[in-house]
């Protein structure tokens, strides 16, 4: 049941490469949450079933913010939500009002999930340098200065992509589902793949973050805030040397913040 202020609720639809997360916000609080596989959206006639849980909070939700890294489904979802909700339907983009300065060679190619994550970080840690880590299908690391300048980042394959590449690009290696191993060293082909991908990911992130911190020190920045989100964040975050703050649904929260910044401009 929606709390007081339900008339100001907002639906955020975070469409990732693997999963879709739908969050209903009242102010900054998530009051309803549901999700489904992104593949569900491949056919327009599947949209009503996918968004069926939204019926339990209608007609209170009228406005929505769409954050999609899958362009093929963005248009149909936006049109569907416009017809169902009847309010303002915004879409996260590089050219909207942002709480940070995006200095990027090709801003139109900067992922909207990264935009939303950086926005969430600016709201959570105002006035601090920021390292924003998203461990999903791909792993992204983005860095902001204390005054909100985008300094750069990294994109590397996620755990499942690493495992898939080993299987698809070799003749004999099996596809292995990656989860936290109980020990460091593998003793079978499956466990060697699982342990190598998982602990390799942890070591890779640790190494990159250490280098980022050194770079920030060279630029006379203070110690950064370090936040992490994403589908595999819970498995990895507690093992990282720099101990990031786990922020669940950070992309959705950032998209909600971007709606607040931009809706008043319309």
Protein backbone atom coordinates (compact mmCIF):
# COMPACT_ATOMS: atom_id res chain seq x y z
CA UNK A 1 0.00 0.00 0.00
CA UNK A 2 1.31 3.44 -0.91
CA UNK A 3 2.05 5.79 1.96
CA UNK A 4 0.94 9.39 2.32
CA UNK A 5 2.02 11.45 -0.69
CA UNK A 6 1.10 8.68 -3.13
CA UNK A 7 -0.20 11.24 -5.62
CA UNK A 8 3.46 12.27 -6.15
CA UNK A 9 4.65 8.75 -6.91
CA UNK A 10 6.99 8.00 -9.78
CA UNK A 11 7.66 4.79 -11.70
CA UNK A 12 11.29 4.19 -12.65
CA UNK A 13 11.91 1.46 -15.24
CA UNK A 14 15.54 0.39 -15.32
CA UNK A 15 16.08 -1.78 -18.40
CA UNK A 16 19.41 -3.58 -18.24
CA UNK A 17 20.89 -6.08 -20.66
CA UNK A 18 19.68 -9.00 -18.56
CA UNK A 19 16.91 -7.82 -16.24
CA UNK A 20 14.34 -5.06 -15.91
CA UNK A 21 13.78 -3.46 -12.51
CA UNK A 22 10.61 -1.44 -11.92
CA UNK A 23 10.57 0.73 -8.81
CA UNK A 24 7.77 2.99 -7.60
CA UNK A 25 9.09 5.94 -5.62
CA UNK A 26 7.32 8.30 -3.27
CA UNK A 27 9.88 11.07 -2.83
CA UNK A 28 13.13 9.16 -2.24
CA UNK A 29 11.59 5.96 -0.90
CA UNK A 30 10.97 2.80 -2.91
CA UNK A 31 7.46 1.64 -2.04
CA UNK A 32 6.90 -0.99 -4.73
CA UNK A 33 9.44 -3.13 -6.58
CA UNK A 34 9.15 -5.81 -9.24
CA UNK A 35 11.22 -7.11 -12.11
CA UNK A 36 11.44 -9.52 -15.01
CA UNK A 37 13.94 -10.66 -17.69
CA UNK A 38 14.71 -8.13 -20.41
CA UNK A 39 13.89 -10.76 -23.04
CA UNK A 40 10.26 -10.40 -21.96
CA UNK A 41 10.14 -7.05 -23.77
CA UNK A 42 11.13 -8.36 -27.19
CA UNK A 43 7.50 -8.52 -28.36
CA UNK A 44 5.12 -5.55 -27.88
CA UNK A 45 2.19 -7.83 -27.02
CA UNK A 46 4.15 -9.08 -23.99
CA UNK A 47 4.25 -5.64 -22.37
CA UNK A 48 0.88 -5.81 -20.55
CA UNK A 49 1.82 -9.08 -18.85
CA UNK A 50 5.29 -7.81 -17.95
CA UNK A 51 3.95 -4.65 -16.34
CA UNK A 52 0.91 -6.34 -14.79
CA UNK A 53 2.16 -5.77 -11.18
CA UNK A 54 1.83 -2.05 -11.85
CA UNK A 55 -1.94 -2.46 -11.79
CA UNK A 56 -1.83 -2.80 -8.01
CA UNK A 57 -0.62 0.80 -7.65
CA UNK A 58 -2.59 2.42 -10.46
CA UNK A 59 -4.08 5.05 -10.76
CA UNK A 60 -1.68 6.69 -8.31
CA UNK A 61 1.34 6.33 -10.60
CA UNK A 62 1.08 8.67 -13.56
CA UNK A 63 4.66 9.72 -14.31
CA UNK A 64 7.65 7.59 -15.21
CA UNK A 65 11.36 7.77 -15.85
CA UNK A 66 12.82 5.24 -18.27
CA UNK A 67 16.49 4.27 -18.02
CA UNK A 68 17.26 1.79 -20.78
CA UNK A 69 20.52 0.42 -22.16
CA UNK A 70 18.61 -1.66 -24.74
CA UNK A 71 17.55 0.77 -27.51
CA UNK A 72 15.43 -1.81 -29.34
CA UNK A 73 12.87 -1.93 -26.53
CA UNK A 74 13.05 1.69 -25.31
CA UNK A 75 10.54 3.11 -27.79
CA UNK A 76 7.84 0.45 -27.35
CA UNK A 77 8.12 0.60 -23.55
CA UNK A 78 7.95 4.40 -23.52
CA UNK A 79 4.88 4.37 -25.79
CA UNK A 80 3.20 1.70 -23.67
CA UNK A 81 3.79 3.57 -20.42
CA UNK A 82 2.57 6.79 -21.96
CA UNK A 83 -0.70 5.11 -22.90
CA UNK A 84 -1.15 3.33 -19.56
CA UNK A 85 -0.06 6.05 -17.15
CA UNK A 86 -1.09 9.18 -19.01
CA UNK A 87 1.47 11.46 -17.35
CA UNK A 88 4.99 12.62 -18.13
CA UNK A 89 7.29 9.89 -19.43
CA UNK A 90 10.94 10.95 -19.32
CA UNK A 91 13.98 9.06 -20.54
CA UNK A 92 17.45 9.39 -19.06
CA UNK A 93 19.82 10.99 -21.56
CA UNK A 94 23.11 12.85 -21.64
CA UNK A 95 21.50 16.14 -22.69
CA UNK A 96 19.15 16.53 -19.72
CA UNK A 97 20.03 18.56 -16.63
CA UNK A 98 22.65 16.57 -14.72
CA UNK A 99 24.04 17.03 -11.20
CA UNK A 100 27.57 16.60 -12.57
CA UNK A 101 29.54 17.88 -15.56
CA UNK A 102 29.89 15.16 -18.21
CA UNK A 103 33.17 15.55 -20.07
CA UNK A 104 33.17 12.66 -22.54
CA UNK A 105 34.42 12.46 -26.12
CA UNK A 106 31.11 11.04 -27.35
CA UNK A 107 28.48 11.97 -24.73
CA UNK A 108 25.67 10.33 -26.72
CA UNK A 109 27.44 6.96 -26.23
CA UNK A 110 27.78 7.35 -22.46
CA UNK A 111 25.48 4.71 -21.00
CA UNK A 112 22.32 6.03 -19.40
CA UNK A 113 22.79 3.58 -16.53
CA UNK A 114 26.16 5.21 -15.87
CA UNK A 115 24.54 8.65 -16.00
CA UNK A 116 21.94 7.59 -13.43
CA UNK A 117 24.55 5.93 -11.21
CA UNK A 118 26.73 9.06 -11.19
CA UNK A 119 23.63 11.13 -10.39
CA UNK A 120 22.83 8.85 -7.46
CA UNK A 121 26.38 9.21 -6.20
CA UNK A 122 26.23 12.99 -6.33
CA UNK A 123 23.06 12.96 -4.26
CA UNK A 124 24.40 10.46 -1.73
CA UNK A 125 27.87 11.99 -1.41
CA UNK A 126 27.67 15.71 -2.25
CA UNK A 127 30.97 17.53 -2.37
CA UNK A 128 33.09 14.36 -2.33
CA UNK A 129 35.09 12.64 -5.05
CA UNK A 130 33.27 9.51 -6.16
CA UNK A 131 34.09 6.07 -7.49
CA UNK A 132 30.87 4.49 -8.79
CA UNK A 133 31.03 0.75 -9.51
CA UNK A 134 28.30 -1.27 -11.23
CA UNK A 135 28.80 -5.04 -11.33
CA UNK A 136 26.27 -6.30 -13.85
CA UNK A 137 26.37 -7.89 -17.30
CA UNK A 138 29.24 -5.49 -17.87
CA UNK A 139 31.27 -3.94 -15.06
CA UNK A 140 31.56 -0.16 -15.18
CA UNK A 141 33.65 2.14 -13.02
CA UNK A 142 33.11 5.89 -13.22
CA UNK A 143 34.94 8.64 -11.34
CA UNK A 144 33.82 12.14 -10.37
CA UNK A 145 35.82 14.91 -8.75
CA UNK A 146 34.61 16.62 -5.57
CA UNK A 147 33.17 19.48 -7.62
CA UNK A 148 31.26 17.10 -9.89
CA UNK A 149 33.53 16.91 -12.92
CA UNK A 150 33.48 13.58 -14.74
CA UNK A 151 37.08 12.36 -14.78
CA UNK A 152 36.74 9.09 -16.69
CA UNK A 153 36.18 5.41 -16.12
CA UNK A 154 36.40 1.81 -17.26
CA UNK A 155 34.15 -0.77 -18.93
CA UNK A 156 35.11 -4.43 -18.53
CA UNK A 157 33.25 -7.73 -19.03
CA UNK A 158 31.05 -8.93 -16.19
CA UNK A 159 31.33 -12.32 -14.54
CA UNK A 160 28.92 -14.12 -16.86
CA UNK A 161 30.41 -12.50 -19.97
CA UNK A 162 33.87 -13.72 -18.96
CA UNK A 163 32.55 -17.24 -18.46
CA UNK A 164 30.65 -17.13 -21.76
CA UNK A 165 33.72 -15.95 -23.66
CA UNK A 166 35.80 -18.86 -22.33
CA UNK A 167 33.12 -21.30 -23.48
CA UNK A 168 32.38 -19.71 -26.85
CA UNK A 169 35.96 -19.02 -27.90
CA UNK A 170 37.45 -22.40 -26.97
CA UNK A 171 36.81 -25.91 -28.21
CA UNK A 172 36.43 -27.76 -24.91
CA UNK A 173 35.80 -25.42 -22.00
CA UNK A 174 32.23 -25.67 -20.64
CA UNK A 175 30.00 -22.77 -19.73
CA UNK A 176 30.09 -22.32 -15.97
CA UNK A 177 27.69 -20.40 -13.77
CA UNK A 178 29.75 -18.02 -11.68
CA UNK A 179 29.21 -17.74 -7.94
CA UNK A 180 31.50 -17.10 -4.98
CA UNK A 181 33.80 -20.14 -4.57
CA UNK A 182 34.35 -21.69 -1.19
CA UNK A 183 38.12 -21.75 -1.73
CA UNK A 184 40.76 -19.92 -3.74
CA UNK A 185 42.17 -22.67 -5.98
CA UNK A 186 40.13 -24.82 -8.33
CA UNK A 187 40.63 -28.57 -8.59
CA UNK A 188 38.58 -29.31 -11.69
CA UNK A 189 38.02 -27.57 -15.01
CA UNK A 190 34.69 -26.22 -13.79
CA UNK A 191 36.07 -24.97 -10.49
CA UNK A 192 39.17 -23.53 -12.18
CA UNK A 193 36.93 -21.49 -14.48
CA UNK A 194 34.62 -20.44 -11.65
CA UNK A 195 37.46 -19.51 -9.30
CA UNK A 196 39.50 -17.83 -12.02
CA UNK A 197 36.63 -15.66 -13.23
CA UNK A 198 35.39 -14.75 -9.76
CA UNK A 199 38.69 -14.06 -8.00
CA UNK A 200 40.10 -12.53 -11.17
CA UNK A 201 37.20 -10.07 -11.15
CA UNK A 202 37.83 -9.17 -7.50
CA UNK A 203 41.56 -8.67 -8.14
CA UNK A 204 40.90 -6.64 -11.28
CA UNK A 205 38.53 -4.26 -9.51
CA UNK A 206 40.90 -3.96 -6.55
CA UNK A 207 43.78 -3.09 -8.85
CA UNK A 208 41.83 -0.50 -10.83
CA UNK A 209 40.39 1.15 -7.73
CA UNK A 210 43.86 1.39 -6.17
CA UNK A 211 45.13 3.11 -9.30
CA UNK A 212 42.12 5.47 -9.33
CA UNK A 213 42.78 6.48 -5.72
CA UNK A 214 46.42 7.22 -6.59
CA UNK A 215 45.29 9.31 -9.57
CA UNK A 216 42.86 11.27 -7.39
CA UNK A 217 45.65 11.95 -4.90
CA UNK A 218 47.82 13.30 -7.73
CA UNK A 219 44.96 15.67 -8.58
CA UNK A 220 44.81 16.76 -4.93
CA UNK A 221 41.38 15.28 -4.37
CA UNK A 222 40.29 14.08 -0.94
CA UNK A 223 39.57 10.43 -0.18
CA UNK A 224 36.71 9.38 -2.46
CA UNK A 225 33.35 7.90 -1.62
CA UNK A 226 33.13 4.41 -3.12
CA UNK A 227 29.73 2.98 -4.00
CA UNK A 228 28.75 -0.28 -5.68
CA UNK A 229 25.55 -1.62 -7.19
CA UNK A 230 24.47 -4.22 -9.76
CA UNK A 231 23.26 -7.78 -9.95
CA UNK A 232 26.54 -9.32 -8.79
CA UNK A 233 27.45 -6.58 -6.32
CA UNK A 234 26.46 -8.51 -3.20
CA UNK A 235 28.76 -11.40 -4.12
CA UNK A 236 31.79 -9.21 -4.76
CA UNK A 237 31.48 -6.02 -2.68
CA UNK A 238 32.46 -7.47 0.70
CA UNK A 239 35.68 -8.91 -0.73
CA UNK A 240 37.03 -5.65 -2.17
CA UNK A 241 39.94 -4.06 -0.35
CA UNK A 242 38.51 -0.53 -0.44
CA UNK A 243 35.19 -1.64 1.12
CA UNK A 244 32.59 0.13 -1.01
CA UNK A 245 29.16 1.12 0.22
CA UNK A 246 26.59 -1.26 -1.28
CA UNK A 247 23.66 0.78 -2.64
CA UNK A 248 20.77 -1.37 -3.83
CA UNK A 249 18.89 -0.16 -6.91
CA UNK A 250 21.28 2.78 -7.25
CA UNK A 251 20.55 3.23 -10.96
CA UNK A 252 16.81 3.48 -10.27
CA UNK A 253 17.48 5.92 -7.42
CA UNK A 254 19.65 8.04 -9.69
CA UNK A 255 16.96 8.03 -12.37
CA UNK A 256 14.43 9.20 -9.77
CA UNK A 257 16.78 12.07 -8.84
CA UNK A 258 17.15 13.02 -12.50
CA UNK A 259 13.37 13.16 -12.81
CA UNK A 260 13.26 15.58 -9.87
CA UNK A 261 15.88 17.78 -11.54
CA UNK A 262 14.20 17.81 -14.94
CA UNK A 263 10.43 17.59 -14.41
CA UNK A 264 10.28 21.15 -13.10
CA UNK A 265 11.85 22.38 -16.35
CA UNK A 266 8.92 21.20 -18.46
